[in-house]
């Protein structure tokens, strides 16, 4: 109803555990679940880097699922970027028979520098801003 009325809901990534204690849920995973469930036009993960970096340290403008997994396995993509990359890819499609199936989630995913001027606008419209993830 909120989306249909032109409003943007703000969702706090919180949950209750078995004992009723309040827990913080990974915000990227919560956002990806919402994007996938709503068949969102895009999932944008804003972070403190300008995107995913390759072995040479340069930002990768685009990266596919297979290349992303290779970079993770080799340690090139490491630390907090690993869950961001995997979460972005998961938002794009569902798992099916050993592979992700496009068309069952967000239509695009971008990891970009949230501190850059106009970051969200640029992530949505500037193909050379951040890293676009693809299945």
Protein backbone atom coordinates (compact mmCIF):
# COMPACT_ATOMS: atom_id res chain seq x y z
CA UNK A 1 0.00 0.00 0.00
CA UNK A 2 2.84 2.40 0.77
CA UNK A 3 4.52 1.85 -2.59
CA UNK A 4 1.20 2.08 -4.43
CA UNK A 5 0.54 5.44 -2.80
CA UNK A 6 3.93 6.80 -3.91
CA UNK A 7 5.60 6.54 -0.52
CA UNK A 8 8.96 4.95 0.18
CA UNK A 9 8.93 2.76 3.27
CA UNK A 10 11.89 2.89 5.64
CA UNK A 11 12.68 -0.53 7.03
CA UNK A 12 14.88 -1.12 10.08
CA UNK A 13 16.70 -4.45 9.72
CA UNK A 14 15.72 -5.84 13.11
CA UNK A 15 14.44 -9.24 14.24
CA UNK A 16 13.64 -11.13 17.43
CA UNK A 17 15.53 -14.26 18.45
CA UNK A 18 13.96 -17.33 20.10
CA UNK A 19 14.07 -15.64 23.52
CA UNK A 20 12.53 -12.41 22.23
CA UNK A 21 15.76 -10.42 22.29
CA UNK A 22 16.11 -7.72 19.64
CA UNK A 23 18.79 -8.54 17.03
CA UNK A 24 20.37 -6.47 14.29
CA UNK A 25 20.02 -8.18 10.89
CA UNK A 26 22.56 -7.60 8.12
CA UNK A 27 21.15 -4.52 6.35
CA UNK A 28 22.46 -5.58 2.93
CA UNK A 29 20.71 -8.95 3.20
CA UNK A 30 17.48 -7.32 4.38
CA UNK A 31 17.61 -4.85 1.46
CA UNK A 32 18.32 -7.64 -1.03
CA UNK A 33 15.39 -9.69 0.28
CA UNK A 34 13.09 -6.72 -0.11
CA UNK A 35 14.41 -5.92 -3.60
CA UNK A 36 13.95 -9.49 -4.69
CA UNK A 37 10.53 -9.90 -3.14
CA UNK A 38 9.27 -6.64 -4.64
CA UNK A 39 10.85 -7.30 -8.05
CA UNK A 40 12.57 -3.95 -7.60
CA UNK A 41 14.03 -2.11 -10.54
CA UNK A 42 17.39 -1.98 -8.75
CA UNK A 43 19.25 -2.85 -5.58
CA UNK A 44 21.88 -0.26 -4.71
CA UNK A 45 24.34 -1.08 -1.95
CA UNK A 46 26.18 2.06 -0.90
CA UNK A 47 29.48 1.55 0.87
CA UNK A 48 32.77 3.33 1.59
CA UNK A 49 34.55 2.22 -1.59
CA UNK A 50 33.89 3.01 -5.23
CA UNK A 51 32.90 -0.57 -6.09
CA UNK A 52 34.36 -4.04 -6.41
CA UNK A 53 38.07 -4.13 -7.17
CA UNK A 54 39.95 -6.62 -9.32
CA UNK A 55 43.34 -8.24 -8.78
CA UNK A 56 45.10 -5.10 -10.08
CA UNK A 57 43.23 -2.93 -7.55
CA UNK A 58 41.18 -1.14 -10.20
CA UNK A 59 37.42 -0.80 -9.87
CA UNK A 60 35.52 -3.30 -11.97
CA UNK A 61 32.68 -1.54 -13.82
CA UNK A 62 30.80 -4.86 -14.30
CA UNK A 63 31.12 -8.30 -12.82
CA UNK A 64 29.26 -11.54 -13.44
CA UNK A 65 28.43 -14.24 -10.90
CA UNK A 66 31.13 -16.69 -12.02
CA UNK A 67 33.87 -14.03 -12.01
CA UNK A 68 32.69 -12.77 -8.63
CA UNK A 69 32.99 -16.24 -7.11
CA UNK A 70 36.47 -16.69 -8.60
CA UNK A 71 37.58 -13.35 -7.11
CA UNK A 72 36.16 -14.35 -3.73
CA UNK A 73 37.79 -17.80 -3.81
CA UNK A 74 41.16 -16.28 -4.74
CA UNK A 75 40.94 -13.71 -1.93
CA UNK A 76 40.90 -10.69 -4.26
CA UNK A 77 37.40 -9.83 -3.04
CA UNK A 78 37.60 -10.14 0.72
CA UNK A 79 36.30 -8.86 4.04
CA UNK A 80 33.03 -6.95 4.05
CA UNK A 81 32.85 -6.90 0.26
CA UNK A 82 32.20 -10.67 0.12
CA UNK A 83 28.71 -10.53 1.64
CA UNK A 84 27.89 -7.39 -0.39
CA UNK A 85 28.77 -9.14 -3.67
CA UNK A 86 26.96 -12.36 -2.78
CA UNK A 87 23.93 -10.46 -1.50
CA UNK A 88 23.74 -8.32 -4.64
CA UNK A 89 23.91 -11.39 -6.87
CA UNK A 90 21.27 -13.18 -4.78
CA UNK A 91 18.92 -10.21 -5.20
CA UNK A 92 19.08 -10.60 -8.98
CA UNK A 93 17.67 -14.11 -9.23
CA UNK A 94 16.74 -17.26 -7.47
CA UNK A 95 18.82 -20.39 -7.03
CA UNK A 96 17.72 -23.13 -9.40
CA UNK A 97 19.33 -26.44 -10.32
CA UNK A 98 22.82 -25.34 -9.33
CA UNK A 99 22.64 -21.88 -10.92
CA UNK A 100 20.94 -18.56 -10.39
CA UNK A 101 17.91 -18.00 -12.55
CA UNK A 102 17.50 -14.44 -13.90
CA UNK A 103 14.16 -12.72 -13.92
CA UNK A 104 13.05 -13.65 -10.42
CA UNK A 105 14.26 -10.65 -8.46
CA UNK A 106 15.66 -7.17 -8.90
CA UNK A 107 16.56 -6.24 -12.47
CA UNK A 108 19.96 -4.77 -11.58
CA UNK A 109 22.35 -4.46 -8.65
CA UNK A 110 25.04 -1.87 -8.03
CA UNK A 111 27.71 -1.52 -5.35
CA UNK A 112 28.95 2.07 -5.16
CA UNK A 113 30.53 4.77 -3.00
CA UNK A 114 27.85 6.21 -0.74
CA UNK A 115 30.04 9.20 0.11
CA UNK A 116 30.23 10.48 -3.46
CA UNK A 117 28.05 13.47 -4.36
CA UNK A 118 24.72 12.31 -5.80
CA UNK A 119 25.60 8.68 -5.06
CA UNK A 120 22.14 7.15 -5.37
CA UNK A 121 21.25 9.10 -8.50
CA UNK A 122 24.59 8.20 -10.07
CA UNK A 123 24.31 4.52 -9.09
CA UNK A 124 20.96 4.37 -10.86
CA UNK A 125 21.88 6.36 -13.95
CA UNK A 126 25.64 6.51 -14.52
CA UNK A 127 26.93 3.25 -16.02
CA UNK A 128 30.49 4.18 -15.02
CA UNK A 129 29.71 4.71 -11.31
CA UNK A 130 30.28 1.77 -8.97
CA UNK A 131 30.20 -1.86 -10.01
CA UNK A 132 27.21 -3.41 -11.79
CA UNK A 133 26.60 -7.05 -10.91
CA UNK A 134 25.14 -9.46 -13.45
CA UNK A 135 24.01 -13.06 -13.50
